[in-house]
Amino acid sequence: MRIIPAIDIINGKCVRLTKGDYSTQKIYNENPIEVAKQFENEGIKYLHLVDLDGAKLGKIINHKVLETIVLQTNLNIDFGGGIKTETDLNIAFNAGAQQITAGSIAVKSPETVYEWLTKHGADKIILGADCLNRKIATAGWLENSELDVIDFIKAYKEKGISNVICTDISKDGMLQGASNELYTDILSSVNVKLIASGGISSMDDVLQMQQIGCEGVIIGKAIYEGKISLKELSVLC
């Protein structure tokens, strides 16, 4: 299972939110490049980089942060937040992202994502299936829908998606454990490489995701709050 620390960016700074609420933002480091280097120095190989400004405004804002991290580390980075057009997609890939996450655009313009899958391949596109009460949420989690998360993933699987990040918004930033039942249900319903996100608070949570069969796990606040050390995680890398 891949260990994937997260860096969320607002105004060029490394922050975390609680349940996706922008009013709860807490700045952990003024310089996300320093954070990325710390991850790499402890043996971490992957990074989940989210442009929260971009997610809110609907266009990439913090691509320079991505570019700088790519230039100064060897981390394999998936990038999301505000990717709505082919131009956005090219900005992310040209800045060095190995993969991009299609979130809101996958709900609002599925044909666009289908085209990306055909053009760039399933290995380059991750489906962002973030949900609240098992219903897909969009626009930096500011908008809800009536789309069932498993039905949503199944529909994209039929179009060729193989990589999926699923965040249970109710768990995100709460440090109270992940949505084991949700991830078990997803993996028993559709064959995808599932990356779990939201609520990870301990190494026990990480190992549970491994036992469930998740391909990767994204860890954010638990690292920043010292609940899980990078040395502990490096053992699994």
C-alpha atoms as a PDB file:
ATOM      1  CA  MET A   1       0.000   0.000   0.000  1.00  0.00           C
ATOM      2  CA  ARG A   2       1.282   3.445  -0.919  1.00  0.00           C
ATOM      3  CA  ILE A   3       1.748   5.999   1.852  1.00  0.00           C
ATOM      4  CA  ILE A   4       0.761   9.430   0.522  1.00  0.00           C
ATOM      5  CA  PRO A   5       1.140  12.462   2.781  1.00  0.00           C
ATOM      6  CA  ALA A   6      -0.971  15.480   1.862  1.00  0.00           C
ATOM      7  CA  ILE A   7      -0.111  19.126   1.445  1.00  0.00           C
ATOM      8  CA  ASP A   8      -3.090  21.449   1.054  1.00  0.00           C
ATOM      9  CA  ILE A   9      -2.342  24.942  -0.229  1.00  0.00           C
ATOM     10  CA  ILE A  10      -4.089  28.244   0.485  1.00  0.00           C
ATOM     11  CA  ASN A  11      -2.279  31.463  -0.433  1.00  0.00           C
ATOM     12  CA  GLY A  12       0.871  29.474  -1.043  1.00  0.00           C
ATOM     13  CA  LYS A  13       0.921  28.101   2.516  1.00  0.00           C
ATOM     14  CA  CYS A  14       0.560  24.596   3.901  1.00  0.00           C
ATOM     15  CA  VAL A  15      -2.784  24.384   5.707  1.00  0.00           C
ATOM     16  CA  ARG A  16      -5.375  21.889   6.908  1.00  0.00           C
ATOM     17  CA  LEU A  17      -9.127  22.234   7.106  1.00  0.00           C
ATOM     18  CA  THR A  18     -11.713  20.386   9.181  1.00  0.00           C
ATOM     19  CA  LYS A  19     -14.498  18.717   7.183  1.00  0.00           C
ATOM     20  CA  GLY A  20     -13.511  20.888   4.223  1.00  0.00           C
ATOM     21  CA  ASP A  21     -14.645  24.074   5.967  1.00  0.00           C
ATOM     22  CA  TYR A  22     -12.454  26.936   4.739  1.00  0.00           C
ATOM     23  CA  SER A  23     -13.174  28.945   7.891  1.00  0.00           C
ATOM     24  CA  THR A  24     -11.350  26.288   9.951  1.00  0.00           C
ATOM     25  CA  GLN A  25      -8.031  26.591   8.132  1.00  0.00           C
ATOM     26  CA  LYS A  26      -4.910  26.176  10.233  1.00  0.00           C
ATOM     27  CA  ILE A  27      -1.522  27.126   8.834  1.00  0.00           C
ATOM     28  CA  TYR A  28       1.139  24.512   9.565  1.00  0.00           C
ATOM     29  CA  ASN A  29       3.972  25.926   7.504  1.00  0.00           C
ATOM     30  CA  GLU A  30       4.474  29.101   5.486  1.00  0.00           C
ATOM     31  CA  ASN A  31       6.655  27.141   3.071  1.00  0.00           C
ATOM     32  CA  PRO A  32       5.175  23.909   1.672  1.00  0.00           C
ATOM     33  CA  ILE A  33       8.433  23.157  -0.121  1.00  0.00           C
ATOM     34  CA  GLU A  34      10.079  22.664   3.278  1.00  0.00           C
ATOM     35  CA  VAL A  35       7.328  20.232   4.231  1.00  0.00           C
ATOM     36  CA  ALA A  36       7.747  18.269   1.001  1.00  0.00           C
ATOM     37  CA  LYS A  37      11.502  18.010   1.598  1.00  0.00           C
ATOM     38  CA  GLN A  38      10.886  16.729   5.129  1.00  0.00           C
ATOM     39  CA  PHE A  39       8.634  14.020   3.713  1.00  0.00           C
ATOM     40  CA  GLU A  40      11.254  12.970   1.167  1.00  0.00           C
ATOM     41  CA  ASN A  41      14.052  12.987   3.743  1.00  0.00           C
ATOM     42  CA  GLU A  42      12.116  10.400   5.773  1.00  0.00           C
ATOM     43  CA  GLY A  43      11.774   8.054   2.827  1.00  0.00           C
ATOM     44  CA  ILE A  44       8.351   9.151   1.580  1.00  0.00           C
ATOM     45  CA  LYS A  45       7.967   8.699  -2.189  1.00  0.00           C
ATOM     46  CA  TYR A  46       4.500  10.088  -2.910  1.00  0.00           C
ATOM     47  CA  LEU A  47       2.699  13.371  -2.313  1.00  0.00           C
ATOM     48  CA  HIS A  48      -0.943  14.417  -2.594  1.00  0.00           C
ATOM     49  CA  LEU A  49      -0.911  18.150  -3.383  1.00  0.00           C
ATOM     50  CA  VAL A  50      -4.202  20.038  -3.301  1.00  0.00           C
ATOM     51  CA  ASP A  51      -4.751  23.589  -4.519  1.00  0.00           C
ATOM     52  CA  LEU A  52      -7.590  24.642  -2.188  1.00  0.00           C
ATOM     53  CA  ASP A  53      -7.685  28.115  -3.709  1.00  0.00           C
ATOM     54  CA  GLY A  54      -8.120  26.481  -7.089  1.00  0.00           C
ATOM     55  CA  ALA A  55     -10.826  24.132  -5.836  1.00  0.00           C
ATOM     56  CA  LYS A  56     -12.806  27.089  -4.518  1.00  0.00           C
ATOM     57  CA  LEU A  57     -12.336  29.354  -7.547  1.00  0.00           C
ATOM     58  CA  GLY A  58     -12.589  26.694 -10.253  1.00  0.00           C
ATOM     59  CA  LYS A  59      -9.163  27.200 -11.836  1.00  0.00           C
ATOM     60  CA  ILE A  60      -5.571  26.336 -10.935  1.00  0.00           C
ATOM     61  CA  ILE A  61      -4.015  28.967  -8.691  1.00  0.00           C
ATOM     62  CA  ASN A  62      -1.023  27.419  -6.920  1.00  0.00           C
ATOM     63  CA  HIS A  63       0.716  25.599  -9.772  1.00  0.00           C
ATOM     64  CA  LYS A  64       3.984  27.387  -8.973  1.00  0.00           C
ATOM     65  CA  VAL A  65       4.088  25.518  -5.655  1.00  0.00           C
ATOM     66  CA  LEU A  66       3.753  22.267  -7.583  1.00  0.00           C
ATOM     67  CA  GLU A  67       6.499  23.302  -9.990  1.00  0.00           C
ATOM     68  CA  THR A  68       8.893  24.214  -7.184  1.00  0.00           C
ATOM     69  CA  ILE A  69       8.325  20.964  -5.282  1.00  0.00           C
ATOM     70  CA  VAL A  70       8.928  19.009  -8.489  1.00  0.00           C
ATOM     71  CA  LEU A  71      12.186  20.876  -9.090  1.00  0.00           C
ATOM     72  CA  GLN A  72      13.456  20.474  -5.528  1.00  0.00           C
ATOM     73  CA  THR A  73      12.372  16.897  -4.717  1.00  0.00           C
ATOM     74  CA  ASN A  74      11.930  13.538  -6.417  1.00  0.00           C
ATOM     75  CA  LEU A  75       8.450  12.984  -4.997  1.00  0.00           C
ATOM     76  CA  ASN A  76       5.820  11.418  -7.230  1.00  0.00           C
ATOM     77  CA  ILE A  77       3.010  13.988  -7.048  1.00  0.00           C
ATOM     78  CA  ASP A  78      -0.689  13.775  -7.752  1.00  0.00           C
ATOM     79  CA  PHE A  79      -2.250  17.213  -8.043  1.00  0.00           C
ATOM     80  CA  GLY A  80      -5.843  18.343  -7.638  1.00  0.00           C
ATOM     81  CA  GLY A  81      -7.935  21.429  -7.117  1.00  0.00           C
ATOM     82  CA  GLY A  82      -9.415  23.650  -9.812  1.00  0.00           C
ATOM     83  CA  ILE A  83      -8.667  21.452 -12.813  1.00  0.00           C
ATOM     84  CA  LYS A  84     -11.562  22.200 -15.117  1.00  0.00           C
ATOM     85  CA  THR A  85     -10.154  22.536 -18.636  1.00  0.00           C
ATOM     86  CA  GLU A  86      -7.519  21.053 -20.928  1.00  0.00           C
ATOM     87  CA  THR A  87      -5.497  24.194 -20.233  1.00  0.00           C
ATOM     88  CA  ASP A  88      -5.609  23.493 -16.482  1.00  0.00           C
ATOM     89  CA  LEU A  89      -4.641  19.893 -17.141  1.00  0.00           C
ATOM     90  CA  ASN A  90      -1.652  20.926 -19.239  1.00  0.00           C
ATOM     91  CA  ILE A  91      -0.541  23.459 -16.619  1.00  0.00           C
ATOM     92  CA  ALA A  92      -0.468  20.683 -14.001  1.00  0.00           C
ATOM     93  CA  PHE A  93       1.344  18.170 -16.204  1.00  0.00           C
ATOM     94  CA  ASN A  94       3.811  20.775 -17.508  1.00  0.00           C
ATOM     95  CA  ALA A  95       4.549  21.759 -13.900  1.00  0.00           C
ATOM     96  CA  GLY A  96       5.510  18.150 -13.222  1.00  0.00           C
ATOM     97  CA  ALA A  97       2.467  16.394 -11.783  1.00  0.00           C
ATOM     98  CA  GLN A  98       2.570  12.648 -12.404  1.00  0.00           C
ATOM     99  CA  GLN A  99      -1.203  12.411 -12.018  1.00  0.00           C
ATOM    100  CA  ILE A 100      -4.101  14.807 -11.694  1.00  0.00           C
ATOM    101  CA  THR A 101      -7.301  14.350  -9.722  1.00  0.00           C
ATOM    102  CA  ALA A 102     -10.547  15.052 -11.545  1.00  0.00           C
ATOM    103  CA  GLY A 103     -13.076  16.054  -8.895  1.00  0.00           C
ATOM    104  CA  SER A 104     -15.820  18.559  -9.617  1.00  0.00           C
ATOM    105  CA  ILE A 105     -15.239  18.334 -13.361  1.00  0.00           C
ATOM    106  CA  ALA A 106     -15.980  14.595 -13.211  1.00  0.00           C
ATOM    107  CA  VAL A 107     -19.472  15.427 -11.922  1.00  0.00           C
ATOM    108  CA  LYS A 108     -20.246  18.510 -13.982  1.00  0.00           C
ATOM    109  CA  SER A 109     -18.645  17.574 -17.293  1.00  0.00           C
ATOM    110  CA  PRO A 110     -17.997  13.830 -17.486  1.00  0.00           C
ATOM    111  CA  GLU A 111     -17.428  14.001 -21.255  1.00  0.00           C
ATOM    112  CA  THR A 112     -14.372  16.154 -20.611  1.00  0.00           C
ATOM    113  CA  VAL A 113     -12.904  13.569 -18.254  1.00  0.00           C
ATOM    114  CA  TYR A 114     -13.677  10.773 -20.716  1.00  0.00           C
ATOM    115  CA  GLU A 115     -11.653  12.692 -23.306  1.00  0.00           C
ATOM    116  CA  TRP A 116      -8.770  13.066 -20.849  1.00  0.00           C
ATOM    117  CA  LEU A 117      -8.824   9.332 -20.178  1.00  0.00           C
ATOM    118  CA  THR A 118      -8.617   8.601 -23.881  1.00  0.00           C
ATOM    119  CA  LYS A 119      -5.895  11.173 -24.544  1.00  0.00           C
ATOM    120  CA  HIS A 120      -3.683  10.764 -21.476  1.00  0.00           C
ATOM    121  CA  GLY A 121      -4.493   7.249 -20.249  1.00  0.00           C
ATOM    122  CA  ALA A 122      -6.002   5.878 -17.044  1.00  0.00           C
ATOM    123  CA  ASP A 123      -2.659   5.955 -15.220  1.00  0.00           C
ATOM    124  CA  LYS A 124      -2.579   9.767 -15.408  1.00  0.00           C
ATOM    125  CA  ILE A 125      -6.128  10.531 -14.281  1.00  0.00           C
ATOM    126  CA  ILE A 126      -7.472   9.900 -10.756  1.00  0.00           C
ATOM    127  CA  LEU A 127     -11.183  10.104 -10.073  1.00  0.00           C
ATOM    128  CA  GLY A 128     -11.915  12.283  -7.056  1.00  0.00           C
ATOM    129  CA  ALA A 129     -14.941  10.689  -5.374  1.00  0.00           C
ATOM    130  CA  ASP A 130     -15.347  12.831  -2.275  1.00  0.00           C
ATOM    131  CA  CYS A 131     -18.575  12.302  -0.422  1.00  0.00           C
ATOM    132  CA  LEU A 132     -20.742  13.301   2.518  1.00  0.00           C
ATOM    133  CA  ASN A 133     -23.260  10.704   3.693  1.00  0.00           C
ATOM    134  CA  ARG A 134     -22.202   8.691   0.620  1.00  0.00           C
ATOM    135  CA  LYS A 135     -23.283  11.487  -1.740  1.00  0.00           C
ATOM    136  CA  ILE A 136     -20.700  13.122  -3.996  1.00  0.00           C
ATOM    137  CA  ALA A 137     -19.628  16.671  -3.107  1.00  0.00           C
ATOM    138  CA  THR A 138     -17.962  19.184  -5.443  1.00  0.00           C
ATOM    139  CA  ALA A 139     -16.423  22.680  -5.636  1.00  0.00           C
ATOM    140  CA  GLY A 140     -13.972  22.192  -2.802  1.00  0.00           C
ATOM    141  CA  TRP A 141     -16.775  20.380  -0.933  1.00  0.00           C
ATOM    142  CA  LEU A 142     -18.887  23.534  -0.923  1.00  0.00           C
ATOM    143  CA  GLU A 143     -21.605  21.918  -3.081  1.00  0.00           C
ATOM    144  CA  ASN A 144     -23.474  18.645  -2.530  1.00  0.00           C
ATOM    145  CA  SER A 145     -25.144  16.361  -5.041  1.00  0.00           C
ATOM    146  CA  GLU A 146     -27.475  13.371  -5.010  1.00  0.00           C
ATOM    147  CA  LEU A 147     -24.955  11.106  -6.729  1.00  0.00           C
ATOM    148  CA  ASP A 148     -24.292   7.903  -4.805  1.00  0.00           C
ATOM    149  CA  VAL A 149     -20.534   7.464  -4.442  1.00  0.00           C
ATOM    150  CA  ILE A 150     -20.459   3.787  -5.454  1.00  0.00           C
ATOM    151  CA  ASP A 151     -22.690   4.365  -8.485  1.00  0.00           C
ATOM    152  CA  PHE A 152     -20.445   7.287  -9.425  1.00  0.00           C
ATOM    153  CA  ILE A 153     -17.294   5.161  -9.265  1.00  0.00           C
ATOM    154  CA  LYS A 154     -18.948   2.286 -11.163  1.00  0.00           C
ATOM    155  CA  ALA A 155     -19.948   4.612 -14.010  1.00  0.00           C
ATOM    156  CA  TYR A 156     -16.385   5.829 -14.385  1.00  0.00           C
ATOM    157  CA  LYS A 157     -14.974   2.324 -14.121  1.00  0.00           C
ATOM    158  CA  GLU A 158     -16.996   1.479 -17.218  1.00  0.00           C
ATOM    159  CA  LYS A 159     -15.249   4.373 -18.987  1.00  0.00           C
ATOM    160  CA  GLY A 160     -11.799   3.169 -18.035  1.00  0.00           C
ATOM    161  CA  ILE A 161     -10.981   4.771 -14.675  1.00  0.00           C
ATOM    162  CA  SER A 162      -8.720   2.615 -12.519  1.00  0.00           C
ATOM    163  CA  ASN A 163      -7.495   5.055  -9.825  1.00  0.00           C
ATOM    164  CA  VAL A 164      -9.915   6.573  -7.302  1.00  0.00           C
ATOM    165  CA  ILE A 165      -9.411   8.823  -4.295  1.00  0.00           C
ATOM    166  CA  CYS A 166     -12.355   8.721  -1.924  1.00  0.00           C
ATOM    167  CA  THR A 167     -12.593  11.130   1.001  1.00  0.00           C
ATOM    168  CA  ASP A 168     -15.382  10.850   3.545  1.00  0.00           C
ATOM    169  CA  ILE A 169     -15.842  14.546   4.296  1.00  0.00           C
ATOM    170  CA  SER A 170     -17.438  13.861   7.666  1.00  0.00           C
ATOM    171  CA  LYS A 171     -14.164  12.239   8.754  1.00  0.00           C
ATOM    172  CA  ASP A 172     -11.730  14.686   7.211  1.00  0.00           C
ATOM    173  CA  GLY A 173      -9.548  16.455   9.746  1.00  0.00           C
ATOM    174  CA  MET A 174     -11.383  14.912  12.691  1.00  0.00           C
ATOM    175  CA  LEU A 175      -8.649  12.433  13.685  1.00  0.00           C
ATOM    176  CA  GLN A 176     -11.318   9.904  14.674  1.00  0.00           C
ATOM    177  CA  GLY A 177     -10.582   7.063  12.285  1.00  0.00           C
ATOM    178  CA  ALA A 178     -11.347   6.381   8.639  1.00  0.00           C
ATOM    179  CA  SER A 179     -14.548   5.146   6.985  1.00  0.00           C
ATOM    180  CA  ASN A 180     -13.735   1.449   7.024  1.00  0.00           C
ATOM    181  CA  GLU A 181     -17.260   0.381   6.094  1.00  0.00           C
ATOM    182  CA  LEU A 182     -17.418   2.772   3.141  1.00  0.00           C
ATOM    183  CA  TYR A 183     -14.101   1.622   1.689  1.00  0.00           C
ATOM    184  CA  THR A 184     -15.002  -2.035   2.230  1.00  0.00           C
ATOM    185  CA  ASP A 185     -18.297  -1.499   0.398  1.00  0.00           C
ATOM    186  CA  ILE A 186     -16.577   0.278  -2.502  1.00  0.00           C
ATOM    187  CA  LEU A 187     -13.972  -2.443  -2.978  1.00  0.00           C
ATOM    188  CA  SER A 188     -16.573  -5.195  -2.763  1.00  0.00           C
ATOM    189  CA  SER A 189     -18.648  -3.432  -5.424  1.00  0.00           C
ATOM    190  CA  VAL A 190     -16.117  -2.279  -8.019  1.00  0.00           C
ATOM    191  CA  ASN A 191     -12.562  -3.279  -8.943  1.00  0.00           C
ATOM    192  CA  VAL A 192     -10.480  -0.102  -8.683  1.00  0.00           C
ATOM    193  CA  LYS A 193      -7.229   1.047  -7.110  1.00  0.00           C
ATOM    194  CA  LEU A 194      -8.724   2.842  -4.140  1.00  0.00           C
ATOM    195  CA  ILE A 195      -6.892   5.533  -2.212  1.00  0.00           C
ATOM    196  CA  ALA A 196      -8.488   6.207   1.167  1.00  0.00           C
ATOM    197  CA  SER A 197      -8.523   9.731   2.570  1.00  0.00           C
ATOM    198  CA  GLY A 198     -10.001  11.363   5.648  1.00  0.00           C
ATOM    199  CA  GLY A 199      -9.890  10.605   9.354  1.00  0.00           C
ATOM    200  CA  ILE A 200      -6.598   8.701   9.564  1.00  0.00           C
ATOM    201  CA  SER A 201      -5.402   9.250  13.133  1.00  0.00           C
ATOM    202  CA  SER A 202      -3.003   6.418  13.989  1.00  0.00           C
ATOM    203  CA  MET A 203      -0.875   3.648  12.559  1.00  0.00           C
ATOM    204  CA  ASP A 204      -3.721   1.261  13.419  1.00  0.00           C
ATOM    205  CA  ASP A 205      -5.930   3.208  11.000  1.00  0.00           C
ATOM    206  CA  VAL A 206      -3.254   2.954   8.318  1.00  0.00           C
ATOM    207  CA  LEU A 207      -2.919  -0.810   8.783  1.00  0.00           C
ATOM    208  CA  GLN A 208      -6.713  -1.207   8.667  1.00  0.00           C
ATOM    209  CA  MET A 209      -6.743   0.481   5.250  1.00  0.00           C
ATOM    210  CA  GLN A 210      -4.095  -1.980   4.134  1.00  0.00           C
ATOM    211  CA  GLN A 211      -6.157  -4.933   5.387  1.00  0.00           C
ATOM    212  CA  ILE A 212      -9.278  -3.647   3.631  1.00  0.00           C
ATOM    213  CA  GLY A 213      -7.350  -3.645   0.367  1.00  0.00           C
ATOM    214  CA  CYS A 214      -6.805   0.053  -0.330  1.00  0.00           C
ATOM    215  CA  GLU A 215      -4.045   0.705  -2.866  1.00  0.00           C
ATOM    216  CA  GLY A 216      -3.002   3.851  -1.026  1.00  0.00           C
ATOM    217  CA  VAL A 217      -3.802   6.033   1.959  1.00  0.00           C
ATOM    218  CA  ILE A 218      -3.611   9.820   2.179  1.00  0.00           C
ATOM    219  CA  ILE A 219      -2.546  11.194   5.543  1.00  0.00           C
ATOM    220  CA  GLY A 220      -2.701  14.856   6.482  1.00  0.00           C
ATOM    221  CA  LYS A 221      -3.551  16.254   9.885  1.00  0.00           C
ATOM    222  CA  ALA A 222      -2.323  13.161  11.751  1.00  0.00           C
ATOM    223  CA  ILE A 223       1.194  13.955  10.539  1.00  0.00           C
ATOM    224  CA  TYR A 224       0.983  17.672  11.237  1.00  0.00           C
ATOM    225  CA  GLU A 225      -0.470  17.145  14.706  1.00  0.00           C
ATOM    226  CA  GLY A 226       2.139  14.518  15.609  1.00  0.00           C
ATOM    227  CA  LYS A 227      -0.311  11.614  15.863  1.00  0.00           C
ATOM    228  CA  ILE A 228       1.742   9.640  13.341  1.00  0.00           C
ATOM    229  CA  SER A 229       5.458  10.152  12.789  1.00  0.00           C
ATOM    230  CA  LEU A 230       7.140  10.094   9.411  1.00  0.00           C
ATOM    231  CA  LYS A 231       9.549   7.478  10.805  1.00  0.00           C
ATOM    232  CA  GLU A 232       6.607   5.171  11.539  1.00  0.00           C
ATOM    233  CA  LEU A 233       5.267   5.661   8.028  1.00  0.00           C
ATOM    234  CA  SER A 234       8.667   5.187   6.401  1.00  0.00           C
ATOM    235  CA  VAL A 235       8.619   1.539   7.503  1.00  0.00           C
ATOM    236  CA  LEU A 236       5.739   0.963   5.091  1.00  0.00           C
ATOM    237  CA  CYS A 237       7.295   2.880   2.202  1.00  0.00           C
END
